[in-house]
PDB file of N, CA and C in Angstrom:
ATOM      1  N   MET A   1     -16.506 -96.924  13.152  1.00  0.00           N
ATOM      2  CA  MET A   1     -15.564 -95.980  12.582  1.00  0.00           C
ATOM      3  C   MET A   1     -15.940 -95.734  11.119  1.00  0.00           C
ATOM      4  N   ILE A   2     -15.997 -94.455  10.730  1.00  0.00           N
ATOM      5  CA  ILE A   2     -16.316 -94.093   9.347  1.00  0.00           C
ATOM      6  C   ILE A   2     -15.016 -93.792   8.624  1.00  0.00           C
ATOM      7  N   LEU A   3     -14.849 -94.428   7.497  1.00  0.00           N
ATOM      8  CA  LEU A   3     -13.674 -94.180   6.662  1.00  0.00           C
ATOM      9  C   LEU A   3     -14.043 -93.211   5.556  1.00  0.00           C
ATOM     10  N   ALA A   4     -13.078 -92.462   5.057  1.00  0.00           N
ATOM     11  CA  ALA A   4     -13.329 -91.484   4.004  1.00  0.00           C
ATOM     12  C   ALA A   4     -13.978 -92.130   2.788  1.00  0.00           C
ATOM     13  N   GLY A   5     -13.611 -93.321   2.461  1.00  0.00           N
ATOM     14  CA  GLY A   5     -14.173 -94.003   1.297  1.00  0.00           C
ATOM     15  C   GLY A   5     -15.612 -94.425   1.491  1.00  0.00           C
ATOM     16  N   ASP A   6     -16.094 -94.464   2.729  1.00  0.00           N
ATOM     17  CA  ASP A   6     -17.470 -94.866   3.018  1.00  0.00           C
ATOM     18  C   ASP A   6     -18.470 -93.741   2.768  1.00  0.00           C
ATOM     19  N   ASP A   7     -18.034 -92.522   2.834  1.00  0.00           N
ATOM     20  CA  ASP A   7     -18.922 -91.367   2.669  1.00  0.00           C
ATOM     21  C   ASP A   7     -18.403 -90.502   1.518  1.00  0.00           C
ATOM     22  N   PRO A   8     -19.199 -90.380   0.432  1.00  0.00           N
ATOM     23  CA  PRO A   8     -18.731 -89.588  -0.728  1.00  0.00           C
ATOM     24  C   PRO A   8     -18.367 -88.149  -0.374  1.00  0.00           C
ATOM     25  N   ALA A   9     -19.042 -87.573   0.623  1.00  0.00           N
ATOM     26  CA  ALA A   9     -18.741 -86.196   1.018  1.00  0.00           C
ATOM     27  C   ALA A   9     -17.369 -86.086   1.669  1.00  0.00           C
ATOM     28  N   LEU A  10     -16.892 -87.191   2.266  1.00  0.00           N
ATOM     29  CA  LEU A  10     -15.579 -87.182   2.920  1.00  0.00           C
ATOM     30  C   LEU A  10     -14.480 -87.749   2.036  1.00  0.00           C
ATOM     31  N   ASP A  11     -14.850 -88.325   0.923  1.00  0.00           N
ATOM     32  CA  ASP A  11     -13.895 -88.988   0.032  1.00  0.00           C
ATOM     33  C   ASP A  11     -13.122 -87.936  -0.753  1.00  0.00           C
ATOM     34  N   MET A  12     -11.858 -87.747  -0.446  1.00  0.00           N
ATOM     35  CA  MET A  12     -11.027 -86.729  -1.103  1.00  0.00           C
ATOM     36  C   MET A  12     -10.678 -87.109  -2.542  1.00  0.00           C
ATOM     37  N   THR A  13     -10.940 -88.349  -2.920  1.00  0.00           N
ATOM     38  CA  THR A  13     -10.683 -88.752  -4.302  1.00  0.00           C
ATOM     39  C   THR A  13     -11.911 -88.533  -5.171  1.00  0.00           C
ATOM     40  N   ASN A  14     -12.977 -88.068  -4.587  1.00  0.00           N
ATOM     41  CA  ASN A  14     -14.226 -87.846  -5.306  1.00  0.00           C
ATOM     42  C   ASN A  14     -14.120 -86.537  -6.089  1.00  0.00           C
ATOM     43  N   THR A  15     -13.862 -86.638  -7.388  1.00  0.00           N
ATOM     44  CA  THR A  15     -13.645 -85.436  -8.203  1.00  0.00           C
ATOM     45  C   THR A  15     -14.913 -84.613  -8.346  1.00  0.00           C
ATOM     46  N   GLU A  16     -16.069 -85.251  -8.299  1.00  0.00           N
ATOM     47  CA  GLU A  16     -17.327 -84.500  -8.379  1.00  0.00           C
ATOM     48  C   GLU A  16     -17.462 -83.583  -7.162  1.00  0.00           C
ATOM     49  N   ASN A  17     -17.111 -84.111  -5.985  1.00  0.00           N
ATOM     50  CA  ASN A  17     -17.153 -83.320  -4.762  1.00  0.00           C
ATOM     51  C   ASN A  17     -16.127 -82.183  -4.835  1.00  0.00           C
ATOM     52  N   ASP A  18     -14.940 -82.460  -5.330  1.00  0.00           N
ATOM     53  CA  ASP A  18     -13.906 -81.435  -5.474  1.00  0.00           C
ATOM     54  C   ASP A  18     -14.376 -80.330  -6.412  1.00  0.00           C
ATOM     55  N   THR A  19     -14.974 -80.717  -7.516  1.00  0.00           N
ATOM     56  CA  THR A  19     -15.464 -79.746  -8.493  1.00  0.00           C
ATOM     57  C   THR A  19     -16.530 -78.858  -7.874  1.00  0.00           C
ATOM     58  N   GLU A  20     -17.436 -79.456  -7.125  1.00  0.00           N
ATOM     59  CA  GLU A  20     -18.496 -78.686  -6.468  1.00  0.00           C
ATOM     60  C   GLU A  20     -17.917 -77.719  -5.434  1.00  0.00           C
ATOM     61  N   MET A  21     -16.942 -78.176  -4.668  1.00  0.00           N
ATOM     62  CA  MET A  21     -16.315 -77.308  -3.671  1.00  0.00           C
ATOM     63  C   MET A  21     -15.575 -76.149  -4.336  1.00  0.00           C
ATOM     64  N   LEU A  22     -14.888 -76.427  -5.441  1.00  0.00           N
ATOM     65  CA  LEU A  22     -14.196 -75.361  -6.170  1.00  0.00           C
ATOM     66  C   LEU A  22     -15.187 -74.352  -6.736  1.00  0.00           C
ATOM     67  N   LYS A  23     -16.309 -74.860  -7.258  1.00  0.00           N
ATOM     68  CA  LYS A  23     -17.339 -73.980  -7.810  1.00  0.00           C
ATOM     69  C   LYS A  23     -17.905 -73.074  -6.722  1.00  0.00           C
ATOM     70  N   GLU A  24     -18.189 -73.634  -5.550  1.00  0.00           N
ATOM     71  CA  GLU A  24     -18.707 -72.831  -4.438  1.00  0.00           C
ATOM     72  C   GLU A  24     -17.684 -71.791  -3.988  1.00  0.00           C
ATOM     73  N   ALA A  25     -16.428 -72.173  -3.927  1.00  0.00           N
ATOM     74  CA  ALA A  25     -15.377 -71.234  -3.529  1.00  0.00           C
ATOM     75  C   ALA A  25     -15.258 -70.094  -4.543  1.00  0.00           C
ATOM     76  N   GLU A  26     -15.340 -70.431  -5.817  1.00  0.00           N
ATOM     77  CA  GLU A  26     -15.255 -69.408  -6.861  1.00  0.00           C
ATOM     78  C   GLU A  26     -16.450 -68.461  -6.785  1.00  0.00           C
ATOM     79  N   GLU A  27     -17.651 -69.005  -6.559  1.00  0.00           N
ATOM     80  CA  GLU A  27     -18.838 -68.158  -6.437  1.00  0.00           C
ATOM     81  C   GLU A  27     -18.725 -67.224  -5.236  1.00  0.00           C
ATOM     82  N   THR A  28     -18.207 -67.744  -4.122  1.00  0.00           N
ATOM     83  CA  THR A  28     -18.015 -66.919  -2.935  1.00  0.00           C
ATOM     84  C   THR A  28     -17.004 -65.809  -3.220  1.00  0.00           C
ATOM     85  N   HIS A  29     -15.924 -66.149  -3.908  1.00  0.00           N
ATOM     86  CA  HIS A  29     -14.897 -65.161  -4.253  1.00  0.00           C
ATOM     87  C   HIS A  29     -15.475 -64.090  -5.180  1.00  0.00           C
ATOM     88  N   LEU A  30     -16.225 -64.505  -6.193  1.00  0.00           N
ATOM     89  CA  LEU A  30     -16.817 -63.541  -7.123  1.00  0.00           C
ATOM     90  C   LEU A  30     -17.814 -62.636  -6.408  1.00  0.00           C
ATOM     91  N   HIS A  31     -18.593 -63.211  -5.491  1.00  0.00           N
ATOM     92  CA  HIS A  31     -19.557 -62.416  -4.733  1.00  0.00           C
ATOM     93  C   HIS A  31     -18.825 -61.372  -3.877  1.00  0.00           C
ATOM     94  N   SER A  32     -17.736 -61.775  -3.252  1.00  0.00           N
ATOM     95  CA  SER A  32     -16.942 -60.845  -2.437  1.00  0.00           C
ATOM     96  C   SER A  32     -16.354 -59.738  -3.296  1.00  0.00           C
ATOM     97  N   MET A  33     -15.877 -60.087  -4.474  1.00  0.00           N
ATOM     98  CA  MET A  33     -15.312 -59.078  -5.383  1.00  0.00           C
ATOM     99  C   MET A  33     -16.395 -58.100  -5.820  1.00  0.00           C
ATOM    100  N   ALA A  34     -17.597 -58.601  -6.094  1.00  0.00           N
ATOM    101  CA  ALA A  34     -18.698 -57.731  -6.512  1.00  0.00           C
ATOM    102  C   ALA A  34     -19.067 -56.764  -5.389  1.00  0.00           C
ATOM    103  N   LYS A  35     -19.098 -57.263  -4.147  1.00  0.00           N
ATOM    104  CA  LYS A  35     -19.403 -56.399  -3.013  1.00  0.00           C
ATOM    105  C   LYS A  35     -18.327 -55.330  -2.844  1.00  0.00           C
ATOM    106  N   ALA A  36     -17.075 -55.712  -2.999  1.00  0.00           N
ATOM    107  CA  ALA A  36     -15.978 -54.746  -2.893  1.00  0.00           C
ATOM    108  C   ALA A  36     -16.077 -53.702  -3.995  1.00  0.00           C
ATOM    109  N   HIS A  37     -16.410 -54.122  -5.190  1.00  0.00           N
ATOM    110  CA  HIS A  37     -16.566 -53.199  -6.317  1.00  0.00           C
ATOM    111  C   HIS A  37     -17.684 -52.204  -6.029  1.00  0.00           C
ATOM    112  N   ASP A  38     -18.816 -52.713  -5.512  1.00  0.00           N
ATOM    113  CA  ASP A  38     -19.936 -51.834  -5.186  1.00  0.00           C
ATOM    114  C   ASP A  38     -19.542 -50.813  -4.118  1.00  0.00           C
ATOM    115  N   LEU A  39     -18.806 -51.253  -3.102  1.00  0.00           N
ATOM    116  CA  LEU A  39     -18.369 -50.333  -2.053  1.00  0.00           C
ATOM    117  C   LEU A  39     -17.428 -49.261  -2.606  1.00  0.00           C
ATOM    118  N   LEU A  40     -16.504 -49.673  -3.459  1.00  0.00           N
ATOM    119  CA  LEU A  40     -15.587 -48.693  -4.065  1.00  0.00           C
ATOM    120  C   LEU A  40     -16.340 -47.701  -4.942  1.00  0.00           C
ATOM    121  N   GLU A  41     -17.325 -48.194  -5.675  1.00  0.00           N
ATOM    122  CA  GLU A  41     -18.109 -47.319  -6.533  1.00  0.00           C
ATOM    123  C   GLU A  41     -18.903 -46.310  -5.697  1.00  0.00           C
ATOM    124  N   MET A  42     -19.502 -46.770  -4.605  1.00  0.00           N
ATOM    125  CA  MET A  42     -20.239 -45.850  -3.722  1.00  0.00           C
ATOM    126  C   MET A  42     -19.296 -44.819  -3.112  1.00  0.00           C
ATOM    127  N   TRP A  43     -18.098 -45.254  -2.717  1.00  0.00           N
ATOM    128  CA  TRP A  43     -17.114 -44.328  -2.152  1.00  0.00           C
ATOM    129  C   TRP A  43     -16.740 -43.266  -3.188  1.00  0.00           C
ATOM    130  N   GLN A  44     -16.494 -43.719  -4.417  1.00  0.00           N
ATOM    131  CA  GLN A  44     -16.101 -42.778  -5.463  1.00  0.00           C
ATOM    132  C   GLN A  44     -17.218 -41.771  -5.732  1.00  0.00           C
ATOM    133  N   ILE A  45     -18.455 -42.246  -5.792  1.00  0.00           N
ATOM    134  CA  ILE A  45     -19.591 -41.353  -6.024  1.00  0.00           C
ATOM    135  C   ILE A  45     -19.708 -40.345  -4.894  1.00  0.00           C
ATOM    136  N   SER A  46     -19.545 -40.801  -3.648  1.00  0.00           N
ATOM    137  CA  SER A  46     -19.680 -39.893  -2.508  1.00  0.00           C
ATOM    138  C   SER A  46     -18.583 -38.837  -2.512  1.00  0.00           C
ATOM    139  N   HIS A  47     -17.400 -39.172  -3.011  1.00  0.00           N
ATOM    140  CA  HIS A  47     -16.318 -38.185  -3.062  1.00  0.00           C
ATOM    141  C   HIS A  47     -16.436 -37.268  -4.272  1.00  0.00           C
ATOM    142  N   ASN A  48     -17.079 -37.722  -5.319  1.00  0.00           N
ATOM    143  CA  ASN A  48     -17.268 -36.882  -6.503  1.00  0.00           C
ATOM    144  C   ASN A  48     -18.496 -35.992  -6.375  1.00  0.00           C
ATOM    145  N   LEU A  49     -19.417 -36.338  -5.495  1.00  0.00           N
ATOM    146  CA  LEU A  49     -20.673 -35.617  -5.367  1.00  0.00           C
ATOM    147  C   LEU A  49     -20.487 -34.133  -5.039  1.00  0.00           C
ATOM    148  N   PRO A  50     -19.657 -33.753  -4.065  1.00  0.00           N
ATOM    149  CA  PRO A  50     -19.499 -32.317  -3.789  1.00  0.00           C
ATOM    150  C   PRO A  50     -18.995 -31.535  -5.007  1.00  0.00           C
ATOM    151  N   ALA A  51     -18.073 -32.094  -5.760  1.00  0.00           N
ATOM    152  CA  ALA A  51     -17.567 -31.413  -6.962  1.00  0.00           C
ATOM    153  C   ALA A  51     -18.669 -31.299  -8.006  1.00  0.00           C
ATOM    154  N   THR A  52     -19.474 -32.354  -8.138  1.00  0.00           N
ATOM    155  CA  THR A  52     -20.577 -32.336  -9.104  1.00  0.00           C
ATOM    156  C   THR A  52     -21.610 -31.295  -8.700  1.00  0.00           C
ATOM    157  N   GLN A  53     -21.918 -31.214  -7.400  1.00  0.00           N
ATOM    158  CA  GLN A  53     -22.885 -30.232  -6.922  1.00  0.00           C
ATOM    159  C   GLN A  53     -22.370 -28.810  -7.124  1.00  0.00           C
ATOM    160  N   LYS A  54     -21.080 -28.614  -6.879  1.00  0.00           N
ATOM    161  CA  LYS A  54     -20.484 -27.293  -7.062  1.00  0.00           C
ATOM    162  C   LYS A  54     -20.554 -26.884  -8.534  1.00  0.00           C
ATOM    163  N   GLU A  55     -20.230 -27.831  -9.428  1.00  0.00           N
ATOM    164  CA  GLU A  55     -20.274 -27.566 -10.865  1.00  0.00           C
ATOM    165  C   GLU A  55     -21.699 -27.276 -11.309  1.00  0.00           C
ATOM    166  N   SER A  56     -22.656 -28.022 -10.782  1.00  0.00           N
ATOM    167  CA  SER A  56     -24.046 -27.831 -11.120  1.00  0.00           C
ATOM    168  C   SER A  56     -24.527 -26.454 -10.678  1.00  0.00           C
ATOM    169  N   GLY A  57     -24.089 -26.020  -9.486  1.00  0.00           N
ATOM    170  CA  GLY A  57     -24.458 -24.700  -8.989  1.00  0.00           C
ATOM    171  C   GLY A  57     -23.910 -23.601  -9.879  1.00  0.00           C
ATOM    172  N   ALA A  58     -22.687 -23.771 -10.353  1.00  0.00           N
ATOM    173  CA  ALA A  58     -22.081 -22.783 -11.252  1.00  0.00           C
ATOM    174  C   ALA A  58     -22.842 -22.729 -12.570  1.00  0.00           C
ATOM    175  N   GLN A  59     -23.279 -23.863 -13.081  1.00  0.00           N
ATOM    176  CA  GLN A  59     -24.045 -23.892 -14.322  1.00  0.00           C
ATOM    177  C   GLN A  59     -25.407 -23.230 -14.136  1.00  0.00           C
ATOM    178  N   ASN A  60     -26.023 -23.466 -12.988  1.00  0.00           N
ATOM    179  CA  ASN A  60     -27.329 -22.864 -12.717  1.00  0.00           C
ATOM    180  C   ASN A  60     -27.235 -21.346 -12.624  1.00  0.00           C
ATOM    181  N   LYS A  61     -26.110 -20.822 -12.106  1.00  0.00           N
ATOM    182  CA  LYS A  61     -25.927 -19.375 -12.040  1.00  0.00           C
ATOM    183  C   LYS A  61     -25.791 -18.770 -13.433  1.00  0.00           C
ATOM    184  N   GLN A  62     -25.277 -19.555 -14.380  1.00  0.00           N
ATOM    185  CA  GLN A  62     -25.111 -19.064 -15.750  1.00  0.00           C
ATOM    186  C   GLN A  62     -26.415 -19.133 -16.536  1.00  0.00           C
ATOM    187  N   MET A  63     -27.331 -19.974 -16.133  1.00  0.00           N
ATOM    188  CA  MET A  63     -28.558 -20.191 -16.888  1.00  0.00           C
ATOM    189  C   MET A  63     -29.395 -18.928 -17.116  1.00  0.00           C
ATOM    190  N   PRO A  64     -29.602 -18.064 -16.112  1.00  0.00           N
ATOM    191  CA  PRO A  64     -30.436 -16.883 -16.370  1.00  0.00           C
ATOM    192  C   PRO A  64     -29.913 -16.045 -17.536  1.00  0.00           C
ATOM    193  N   ALA A  65     -28.607 -15.909 -17.648  1.00  0.00           N
ATOM    194  CA  ALA A  65     -28.043 -15.136 -18.753  1.00  0.00           C
ATOM    195  C   ALA A  65     -28.325 -15.823 -20.074  1.00  0.00           C
ATOM    196  N   VAL A  66     -28.226 -17.121 -20.118  1.00  0.00           N
ATOM    197  CA  VAL A  66     -28.501 -17.866 -21.349  1.00  0.00           C
ATOM    198  C   VAL A  66     -29.968 -17.742 -21.704  1.00  0.00           C
ATOM    199  N   ARG A  67     -30.850 -17.834 -20.708  1.00  0.00           N
ATOM    200  CA  ARG A  67     -32.291 -17.701 -20.963  1.00  0.00           C
ATOM    201  C   ARG A  67     -32.600 -16.298 -21.500  1.00  0.00           C
ATOM    202  N   TYR A  68     -31.949 -15.296 -20.939  1.00  0.00           N
ATOM    203  CA  TYR A  68     -32.186 -13.922 -21.370  1.00  0.00           C
ATOM    204  C   TYR A  68     -31.754 -13.740 -22.826  1.00  0.00           C
ATOM    205  N   ILE A  69     -30.607 -14.290 -23.186  1.00  0.00           N
ATOM    206  CA  ILE A  69     -30.074 -14.134 -24.540  1.00  0.00           C
ATOM    207  C   ILE A  69     -30.975 -14.804 -25.559  1.00  0.00           C
ATOM    208  N   PHE A  70     -31.472 -16.006 -25.244  1.00  0.00           N
ATOM    209  CA  PHE A  70     -32.265 -16.753 -26.198  1.00  0.00           C
ATOM    210  C   PHE A  70     -33.778 -16.569 -25.994  1.00  0.00           C
ATOM    211  N   GLY A  71     -34.157 -15.768 -25.023  1.00  0.00           N
ATOM    212  CA  GLY A  71     -35.559 -15.438 -24.827  1.00  0.00           C
ATOM    213  C   GLY A  71     -36.430 -16.550 -24.276  1.00  0.00           C
ATOM    214  N   HIS A  72     -35.865 -17.478 -23.521  1.00  0.00           N
ATOM    215  CA  HIS A  72     -36.669 -18.562 -22.945  1.00  0.00           C
ATOM    216  C   HIS A  72     -36.956 -18.298 -21.508  1.00  0.00           C
TER     217      HIS A  72
END
């Protein structure tokens, strides 16, 4: 029979093990938050893209007049 005190990995009083487990949990949480942030950012870009393309098209239509005025 293995008792918790016989194995440091199973010893719940082992503060070093607790600290390591907390650190791993925090890293996992931060990684998940970063992935969620990236997904939200991609979603926002994909929804802003049509408006940006429309605005860009309107600017491009104005360019010939600007080129004509300034001789470029």
